[in-house]
Amino acid sequence: MRTVAYIAAAIFIFFGVIFIWGAFGSQPHPEWILVGVISALIGFGLIWFGQRRPAGAGAPQNVTLNIDLPGDTKVSPLTCRNCGGALKPENVKMVSGAPMVECPYCGTTYQLTEEPKW
């Protein structure tokens, strides 16, 4: 939507300038000044409209990922690999697309990896 507004604004401003410039040619046309000014104002209005952000555009978004696992799945508690302390879900944070764990007991920070099950 923003790109369309900018393209339309450029067209309106271009023709507005052409009409104003043409009004002062060899045969003066004072009504063209009015048409050019209105066209340029519509173009600048479209730029203003394109710059506006919709409500809530800057608000953070929550993404929920539901995983459906086939068969019997056992969930084991997450423990710190340094001290063995029990970790909670709030101790795991996504940093640059990788799950990072920060232990509240020993302060160790490491990337969470899944080891092979075989």
C-alpha atoms as a PDB file:
ATOM      1  CA  MET A   1       0.000   0.000   0.000  1.00  0.00           C
ATOM      2  CA  ARG A   2       2.821   2.366   0.883  1.00  0.00           C
ATOM      3  CA  THR A   3       4.602   1.806  -2.442  1.00  0.00           C
ATOM      4  CA  VAL A   4       1.420   2.476  -4.415  1.00  0.00           C
ATOM      5  CA  ALA A   5       0.912   5.722  -2.478  1.00  0.00           C
ATOM      6  CA  TYR A   6       4.467   6.856  -3.257  1.00  0.00           C
ATOM      7  CA  ILE A   7       4.157   6.057  -6.957  1.00  0.00           C
ATOM      8  CA  ALA A   8       0.821   7.888  -7.219  1.00  0.00           C
ATOM      9  CA  ALA A   9       2.297  10.826  -5.276  1.00  0.00           C
ATOM     10  CA  ALA A  10       5.216  11.058  -7.697  1.00  0.00           C
ATOM     11  CA  ILE A  11       2.817  11.107 -10.656  1.00  0.00           C
ATOM     12  CA  PHE A  12       0.583  13.790  -9.115  1.00  0.00           C
ATOM     13  CA  ILE A  13       3.553  15.990  -8.145  1.00  0.00           C
ATOM     14  CA  PHE A  14       5.134  15.553 -11.598  1.00  0.00           C
ATOM     15  CA  PHE A  15       1.976  16.616 -13.412  1.00  0.00           C
ATOM     16  CA  GLY A  16       1.409  19.409 -10.901  1.00  0.00           C
ATOM     17  CA  VAL A  17       4.819  20.862 -11.680  1.00  0.00           C
ATOM     18  CA  ILE A  18       4.207  20.447 -15.421  1.00  0.00           C
ATOM     19  CA  PHE A  19       0.875  22.302 -15.179  1.00  0.00           C
ATOM     20  CA  ILE A  20       2.413  25.137 -13.126  1.00  0.00           C
ATOM     21  CA  TRP A  21       5.339  25.383 -15.517  1.00  0.00           C
ATOM     22  CA  GLY A  22       3.029  25.310 -18.546  1.00  0.00           C
ATOM     23  CA  ALA A  23       0.908  28.136 -17.106  1.00  0.00           C
ATOM     24  CA  PHE A  24       3.784  30.559 -17.685  1.00  0.00           C
ATOM     25  CA  GLY A  25       4.399  29.581 -21.328  1.00  0.00           C
ATOM     26  CA  SER A  26       3.979  31.776 -24.421  1.00  0.00           C
ATOM     27  CA  GLN A  27       0.194  31.816 -23.894  1.00  0.00           C
ATOM     28  CA  PRO A  28      -0.519  32.311 -20.173  1.00  0.00           C
ATOM     29  CA  HIS A  29      -3.113  29.988 -18.654  1.00  0.00           C
ATOM     30  CA  PRO A  30      -3.778  31.116 -15.053  1.00  0.00           C
ATOM     31  CA  GLU A  31      -6.277  28.259 -14.477  1.00  0.00           C
ATOM     32  CA  TRP A  32      -3.457  25.765 -14.973  1.00  0.00           C
ATOM     33  CA  ILE A  33      -1.739  27.144 -11.860  1.00  0.00           C
ATOM     34  CA  LEU A  34      -4.749  26.110  -9.789  1.00  0.00           C
ATOM     35  CA  VAL A  35      -4.803  22.630 -11.388  1.00  0.00           C
ATOM     36  CA  GLY A  36      -1.049  22.248 -10.795  1.00  0.00           C
ATOM     37  CA  VAL A  37      -1.231  23.347  -7.165  1.00  0.00           C
ATOM     38  CA  ILE A  38      -4.156  21.001  -6.461  1.00  0.00           C
ATOM     39  CA  SER A  39      -2.323  18.126  -8.144  1.00  0.00           C
ATOM     40  CA  ALA A  40       0.862  18.802  -6.161  1.00  0.00           C
ATOM     41  CA  LEU A  41      -1.111  19.035  -2.906  1.00  0.00           C
ATOM     42  CA  ILE A  42      -2.765  15.677  -3.637  1.00  0.00           C
ATOM     43  CA  GLY A  43       0.717  14.219  -4.240  1.00  0.00           C
ATOM     44  CA  PHE A  44       2.072  15.556  -0.951  1.00  0.00           C
ATOM     45  CA  GLY A  45      -1.076  14.323   0.784  1.00  0.00           C
ATOM     46  CA  LEU A  46      -0.406  10.833  -0.567  1.00  0.00           C
ATOM     47  CA  ILE A  47       3.159  11.002   0.756  1.00  0.00           C
ATOM     48  CA  TRP A  48       1.811  11.975   4.170  1.00  0.00           C
ATOM     49  CA  PHE A  49      -0.727   9.151   3.985  1.00  0.00           C
ATOM     50  CA  GLY A  50       2.009   6.675   3.018  1.00  0.00           C
ATOM     51  CA  GLN A  51       4.181   7.746   5.966  1.00  0.00           C
ATOM     52  CA  ARG A  52       1.455   7.123   8.542  1.00  0.00           C
ATOM     53  CA  ARG A  53       1.784   3.879  10.445  1.00  0.00           C
ATOM     54  CA  PRO A  54      -1.265   1.800  11.122  1.00  0.00           C
ATOM     55  CA  ALA A  55      -2.236   1.446  14.780  1.00  0.00           C
ATOM     56  CA  GLY A  56      -0.228  -1.278  16.476  1.00  0.00           C
ATOM     57  CA  ALA A  57       2.368  -1.558  13.697  1.00  0.00           C
ATOM     58  CA  GLY A  58       5.247  -0.992  16.120  1.00  0.00           C
ATOM     59  CA  ALA A  59       3.884  -3.291  18.819  1.00  0.00           C
ATOM     60  CA  PRO A  60       5.729  -6.559  19.402  1.00  0.00           C
ATOM     61  CA  GLN A  61       4.051  -9.668  18.081  1.00  0.00           C
ATOM     62  CA  ASN A  62       3.729 -12.957  19.927  1.00  0.00           C
ATOM     63  CA  VAL A  63       4.225 -16.069  17.840  1.00  0.00           C
ATOM     64  CA  THR A  64       2.978 -19.433  19.114  1.00  0.00           C
ATOM     65  CA  LEU A  65       4.238 -22.641  17.560  1.00  0.00           C
ATOM     66  CA  ASN A  66       2.214 -25.788  18.226  1.00  0.00           C
ATOM     67  CA  ILE A  67       3.995 -29.063  17.565  1.00  0.00           C
ATOM     68  CA  ASP A  68       2.060 -32.271  16.998  1.00  0.00           C
ATOM     69  CA  LEU A  69       4.382 -35.200  17.712  1.00  0.00           C
ATOM     70  CA  PRO A  70       3.461 -38.643  16.375  1.00  0.00           C
ATOM     71  CA  GLY A  71       3.432 -41.676  18.658  1.00  0.00           C
ATOM     72  CA  ASP A  72       4.271 -41.831  22.349  1.00  0.00           C
ATOM     73  CA  THR A  73       6.420 -38.916  23.387  1.00  0.00           C
ATOM     74  CA  LYS A  74       7.993 -38.583  26.801  1.00  0.00           C
ATOM     75  CA  VAL A  75       8.922 -35.143  28.048  1.00  0.00           C
ATOM     76  CA  SER A  76      11.859 -35.071  30.423  1.00  0.00           C
ATOM     77  CA  PRO A  77      12.580 -32.139  32.740  1.00  0.00           C
ATOM     78  CA  LEU A  78      15.184 -29.650  31.537  1.00  0.00           C
ATOM     79  CA  THR A  79      18.251 -29.433  33.769  1.00  0.00           C
ATOM     80  CA  CYS A  80      21.392 -27.313  33.608  1.00  0.00           C
ATOM     81  CA  ARG A  81      24.263 -29.251  32.075  1.00  0.00           C
ATOM     82  CA  ASN A  82      26.737 -27.443  34.345  1.00  0.00           C
ATOM     83  CA  CYS A  83      25.166 -27.723  37.827  1.00  0.00           C
ATOM     84  CA  GLY A  84      22.135 -29.984  37.234  1.00  0.00           C
ATOM     85  CA  GLY A  85      19.637 -27.406  38.525  1.00  0.00           C
ATOM     86  CA  ALA A  86      16.042 -27.597  37.331  1.00  0.00           C
ATOM     87  CA  LEU A  87      15.276 -25.068  34.590  1.00  0.00           C
ATOM     88  CA  LYS A  88      11.938 -23.438  33.837  1.00  0.00           C
ATOM     89  CA  PRO A  89      10.607 -22.293  30.445  1.00  0.00           C
ATOM     90  CA  GLU A  90      11.369 -18.659  31.317  1.00  0.00           C
ATOM     91  CA  ASN A  91      15.077 -19.578  31.532  1.00  0.00           C
ATOM     92  CA  VAL A  92      15.096 -20.329  27.779  1.00  0.00           C
ATOM     93  CA  LYS A  93      15.273 -17.295  25.445  1.00  0.00           C
ATOM     94  CA  MET A  94      15.514 -17.084  21.659  1.00  0.00           C
ATOM     95  CA  VAL A  95      18.643 -15.148  20.641  1.00  0.00           C
ATOM     96  CA  SER A  96      19.243 -14.707  16.904  1.00  0.00           C
ATOM     97  CA  GLY A  97      17.045 -17.711  16.148  1.00  0.00           C
ATOM     98  CA  ALA A  98      18.828 -20.080  18.559  1.00  0.00           C
ATOM     99  CA  PRO A  99      17.444 -21.185  21.938  1.00  0.00           C
ATOM    100  CA  MET A 100      19.782 -19.966  24.701  1.00  0.00           C
ATOM    101  CA  VAL A 101      19.550 -21.221  28.293  1.00  0.00           C
ATOM    102  CA  GLU A 102      20.604 -19.149  31.311  1.00  0.00           C
ATOM    103  CA  CYS A 103      20.779 -21.089  34.564  1.00  0.00           C
ATOM    104  CA  PRO A 104      19.391 -19.103  37.527  1.00  0.00           C
ATOM    105  CA  TYR A 105      21.549 -21.124  39.964  1.00  0.00           C
ATOM    106  CA  CYS A 106      25.067 -21.054  38.513  1.00  0.00           C
ATOM    107  CA  GLY A 107      24.632 -18.284  35.870  1.00  0.00           C
ATOM    108  CA  THR A 108      25.875 -20.453  33.008  1.00  0.00           C
ATOM    109  CA  THR A 109      24.629 -19.461  29.548  1.00  0.00           C
ATOM    110  CA  TYR A 110      24.701 -21.949  26.700  1.00  0.00           C
ATOM    111  CA  GLN A 111      22.883 -22.826  23.485  1.00  0.00           C
ATOM    112  CA  LEU A 112      20.260 -25.531  23.836  1.00  0.00           C
ATOM    113  CA  THR A 113      20.945 -28.467  21.521  1.00  0.00           C
ATOM    114  CA  GLU A 114      19.113 -31.737  21.033  1.00  0.00           C
ATOM    115  CA  GLU A 115      21.274 -34.799  21.292  1.00  0.00           C
ATOM    116  CA  PRO A 116      20.570 -37.845  19.106  1.00  0.00           C
ATOM    117  CA  LYS A 117      18.414 -40.496  20.790  1.00  0.00           C
ATOM    118  CA  TRP A 118      20.227 -43.604  19.496  1.00  0.00           C
END
